[in-house]
Amino acid sequence: MAKITINEKDYYTDDFNERQMGMYREITMAQEEMSRLKYLIQVMDARCNMLGGWIVEQAEEAEQEEAKPESADG
């Protein structure tokens, strides 16, 4: 028997009629989708942070290359 709490009151699915069960299933699907979207947001946030770090690394490497003295081979 599944339980859902709405406005601090517990409801048990065994007591639901067909219409309530349909609504309960939709709530469950919506919650699963919200969890999936939260996960995707975390993944995309981590990806953006990683790419931003790479941009900084590339900029620092370019600055170091520009700051190197010319070789005396010439």
N, C-alpha and C. Protein backbone atom coordinates (compact mmCIF):
# COMPACT_ATOMS: atom_id res chain seq x y z
N MET A 1 0.84 -1.17 0.00
CA MET A 1 0.00 0.00 0.00
C MET A 1 0.89 1.23 0.00
N ALA A 2 0.76 2.05 -1.00
CA ALA A 2 1.53 3.28 -1.10
C ALA A 2 0.82 4.39 -0.34
N LYS A 3 1.63 5.35 0.10
CA LYS A 3 1.09 6.47 0.86
C LYS A 3 1.58 7.76 0.21
N ILE A 4 0.72 8.75 0.19
CA ILE A 4 1.09 10.08 -0.29
C ILE A 4 0.65 11.08 0.77
N THR A 5 1.51 12.06 1.02
CA THR A 5 1.18 13.09 2.00
C THR A 5 0.88 14.38 1.26
N ILE A 6 -0.30 14.92 1.51
CA ILE A 6 -0.72 16.18 0.89
C ILE A 6 -1.19 17.10 2.00
N ASN A 7 -0.60 18.28 2.07
CA ASN A 7 -0.94 19.25 3.12
C ASN A 7 -0.87 18.62 4.51
N GLU A 8 0.21 17.87 4.74
CA GLU A 8 0.50 17.24 6.02
C GLU A 8 -0.51 16.16 6.43
N LYS A 9 -1.29 15.66 5.48
CA LYS A 9 -2.23 14.57 5.75
C LYS A 9 -1.87 13.39 4.86
N ASP A 10 -1.85 12.20 5.44
CA ASP A 10 -1.50 10.99 4.70
C ASP A 10 -2.73 10.39 4.04
N TYR A 11 -2.54 9.96 2.79
CA TYR A 11 -3.57 9.27 2.03
C TYR A 11 -2.97 7.96 1.54
N TYR A 12 -3.75 6.89 1.59
CA TYR A 12 -3.28 5.57 1.18
C TYR A 12 -3.95 5.16 -0.12
N THR A 13 -3.14 4.67 -1.04
CA THR A 13 -3.65 4.36 -2.38
C THR A 13 -4.68 3.24 -2.36
N ASP A 14 -4.66 2.40 -1.33
CA ASP A 14 -5.67 1.33 -1.25
C ASP A 14 -7.08 1.91 -1.15
N ASP A 15 -7.18 3.13 -0.65
CA ASP A 15 -8.49 3.77 -0.48
C ASP A 15 -8.90 4.61 -1.69
N PHE A 16 -8.04 4.71 -2.70
CA PHE A 16 -8.31 5.57 -3.86
C PHE A 16 -9.31 4.93 -4.80
N ASN A 17 -10.14 5.79 -5.42
CA ASN A 17 -10.98 5.31 -6.51
C ASN A 17 -10.16 5.39 -7.80
N GLU A 18 -10.77 5.04 -8.91
CA GLU A 18 -10.04 5.01 -10.19
C GLU A 18 -9.48 6.39 -10.56
N ARG A 19 -10.27 7.41 -10.37
CA ARG A 19 -9.85 8.76 -10.72
C ARG A 19 -8.68 9.21 -9.85
N GLN A 20 -8.75 8.92 -8.57
CA GLN A 20 -7.66 9.29 -7.67
C GLN A 20 -6.38 8.52 -8.02
N MET A 21 -6.53 7.25 -8.39
CA MET A 21 -5.35 6.47 -8.78
C MET A 21 -4.70 7.06 -10.02
N GLY A 22 -5.50 7.51 -10.96
CA GLY A 22 -4.96 8.16 -12.16
C GLY A 22 -4.17 9.40 -11.80
N MET A 23 -4.71 10.19 -10.89
CA MET A 23 -4.02 11.40 -10.44
C MET A 23 -2.75 11.05 -9.69
N TYR A 24 -2.80 10.01 -8.87
CA TYR A 24 -1.62 9.56 -8.13
C TYR A 24 -0.53 9.11 -9.09
N ARG A 25 -0.89 8.35 -10.10
CA ARG A 25 0.10 7.91 -11.09
C ARG A 25 0.73 9.11 -11.80
N GLU A 26 -0.08 10.12 -12.10
CA GLU A 26 0.45 11.32 -12.76
C GLU A 26 1.41 12.07 -11.83
N ILE A 27 1.07 12.15 -10.54
CA ILE A 27 1.97 12.77 -9.56
C ILE A 27 3.30 12.02 -9.54
N THR A 28 3.22 10.71 -9.50
CA THR A 28 4.43 9.88 -9.47
C THR A 28 5.28 10.11 -10.71
N MET A 29 4.65 10.15 -11.87
CA MET A 29 5.39 10.39 -13.11
C MET A 29 6.02 11.78 -13.10
N ALA A 30 5.29 12.77 -12.62
CA ALA A 30 5.82 14.14 -12.57
C ALA A 30 7.02 14.21 -11.63
N GLN A 31 6.95 13.53 -10.49
CA GLN A 31 8.06 13.53 -9.54
C GLN A 31 9.29 12.85 -10.14
N GLU A 32 9.07 11.76 -10.86
CA GLU A 32 10.19 11.08 -11.52
C GLU A 32 10.83 11.99 -12.56
N GLU A 33 10.01 12.69 -13.32
CA GLU A 33 10.53 13.60 -14.35
C GLU A 33 11.30 14.76 -13.71
N MET A 34 10.78 15.28 -12.59
CA MET A 34 11.49 16.35 -11.89
C MET A 34 12.85 15.87 -11.40
N SER A 35 12.91 14.64 -10.90
CA SER A 35 14.19 14.09 -10.45
C SER A 35 15.16 13.97 -11.62
N ARG A 36 14.65 13.51 -12.76
CA ARG A 36 15.49 13.38 -13.95
C ARG A 36 16.02 14.75 -14.38
N LEU A 37 15.16 15.75 -14.37
CA LEU A 37 15.57 17.09 -14.78
C LEU A 37 16.58 17.69 -13.80
N LYS A 38 16.41 17.46 -12.51
CA LYS A 38 17.38 17.93 -11.52
C LYS A 38 18.75 17.30 -11.79
N TYR A 39 18.74 16.00 -12.13
CA TYR A 39 19.99 15.32 -12.45
C TYR A 39 20.64 15.95 -13.69
N LEU A 40 19.84 16.19 -14.72
CA LEU A 40 20.38 16.81 -15.95
C LEU A 40 20.95 18.19 -15.67
N ILE A 41 20.29 18.96 -14.83
CA ILE A 41 20.80 20.29 -14.47
C ILE A 41 22.16 20.15 -13.80
N GLN A 42 22.30 19.19 -12.90
CA GLN A 42 23.59 18.98 -12.23
C GLN A 42 24.67 18.59 -13.22
N VAL A 43 24.33 17.72 -14.17
CA VAL A 43 25.30 17.29 -15.18
C VAL A 43 25.71 18.48 -16.06
N MET A 44 24.75 19.26 -16.50
CA MET A 44 25.05 20.41 -17.35
C MET A 44 25.84 21.47 -16.59
N ASP A 45 25.54 21.68 -15.32
CA ASP A 45 26.28 22.64 -14.51
C ASP A 45 27.74 22.19 -14.37
N ALA A 46 27.94 20.90 -14.11
CA ALA A 46 29.31 20.38 -14.01
C ALA A 46 30.05 20.54 -15.34
N ARG A 47 29.38 20.29 -16.44
CA ARG A 47 29.99 20.43 -17.77
C ARG A 47 30.38 21.89 -18.03
N CYS A 48 29.50 22.82 -17.69
CA CYS A 48 29.82 24.24 -17.88
C CYS A 48 31.03 24.64 -17.03
N ASN A 49 31.08 24.17 -15.80
CA ASN A 49 32.22 24.49 -14.94
C ASN A 49 33.51 23.91 -15.50
N MET A 50 33.45 22.68 -16.02
CA MET A 50 34.63 22.05 -16.60
C MET A 50 35.10 22.83 -17.82
N LEU A 51 34.17 23.18 -18.70
CA LEU A 51 34.54 23.94 -19.90
C LEU A 51 35.10 25.31 -19.54
N GLY A 52 34.50 25.96 -18.55
CA GLY A 52 35.02 27.24 -18.10
C GLY A 52 36.44 27.11 -17.59
N GLY A 53 36.72 26.04 -16.87
CA GLY A 53 38.08 25.79 -16.40
C GLY A 53 39.05 25.61 -17.54
N TRP A 54 38.61 24.92 -18.58
CA TRP A 54 39.48 24.72 -19.75
C TRP A 54 39.75 26.05 -20.45
N ILE A 55 38.75 26.92 -20.51
CA ILE A 55 38.96 28.24 -21.12
C ILE A 55 40.04 28.99 -20.36
N VAL A 56 39.96 28.96 -19.04
CA VAL A 56 40.96 29.64 -18.20
C VAL A 56 42.34 29.03 -18.44
N GLU A 57 42.43 27.70 -18.48
CA GLU A 57 43.72 27.04 -18.73
C GLU A 57 44.31 27.47 -20.06
N GLN A 58 43.48 27.48 -21.10
CA GLN A 58 43.96 27.86 -22.43
C GLN A 58 44.45 29.31 -22.43
N ALA A 59 43.72 30.19 -21.77
CA ALA A 59 44.13 31.60 -21.71
C ALA A 59 45.45 31.75 -20.98
N GLU A 60 45.61 31.01 -19.88
CA GLU A 60 46.86 31.08 -19.13
C GLU A 60 48.03 30.53 -19.94
N GLU A 61 47.80 29.44 -20.66
CA GLU A 61 48.85 28.88 -21.51
C GLU A 61 49.25 29.87 -22.59
N ALA A 62 48.28 30.53 -23.19
CA ALA A 62 48.56 31.51 -24.24
C ALA A 62 49.37 32.67 -23.68
N GLU A 63 49.03 33.12 -22.48
CA GLU A 63 49.78 34.21 -21.84
C GLU A 63 51.21 33.79 -21.56
N GLN A 64 51.40 32.55 -21.12
CA GLN A 64 52.74 32.05 -20.84
C GLN A 64 53.57 31.96 -22.12
N GLU A 65 52.94 31.53 -23.19
CA GLU A 65 53.63 31.43 -24.47
C GLU A 65 54.08 32.82 -24.94
N GLU A 66 53.21 33.80 -24.78
CA GLU A 66 53.53 35.16 -25.19
C GLU A 66 54.63 35.76 -24.32
N ALA A 67 54.70 35.34 -23.08
CA ALA A 67 55.68 35.90 -22.14
C ALA A 67 57.06 35.26 -22.25
N LYS A 68 57.19 34.15 -22.99
CA LYS A 68 58.48 33.49 -23.13
C LYS A 68 59.44 34.38 -23.90
N PRO A 69 60.69 34.43 -23.46
CA PRO A 69 61.67 35.25 -24.21
C PRO A 69 61.99 34.58 -25.54
N GLU A 70 62.36 35.40 -26.50
CA GLU A 70 62.76 34.91 -27.82
C GLU A 70 64.04 34.09 -27.66
N SER A 71 64.18 33.02 -28.44
CA SER A 71 65.41 32.22 -28.34
C SER A 71 66.56 32.95 -29.00
N ALA A 72 67.76 32.68 -28.51
CA ALA A 72 68.96 33.35 -29.00
C ALA A 72 69.59 32.59 -30.15
N ASP A 73 68.86 31.69 -30.80
CA ASP A 73 69.39 30.90 -31.89
C ASP A 73 69.61 31.74 -33.15
N GLY A 74 68.89 32.78 -33.30
CA GLY A 74 68.79 33.50 -34.53
C GLY A 74 69.87 34.30 -34.98
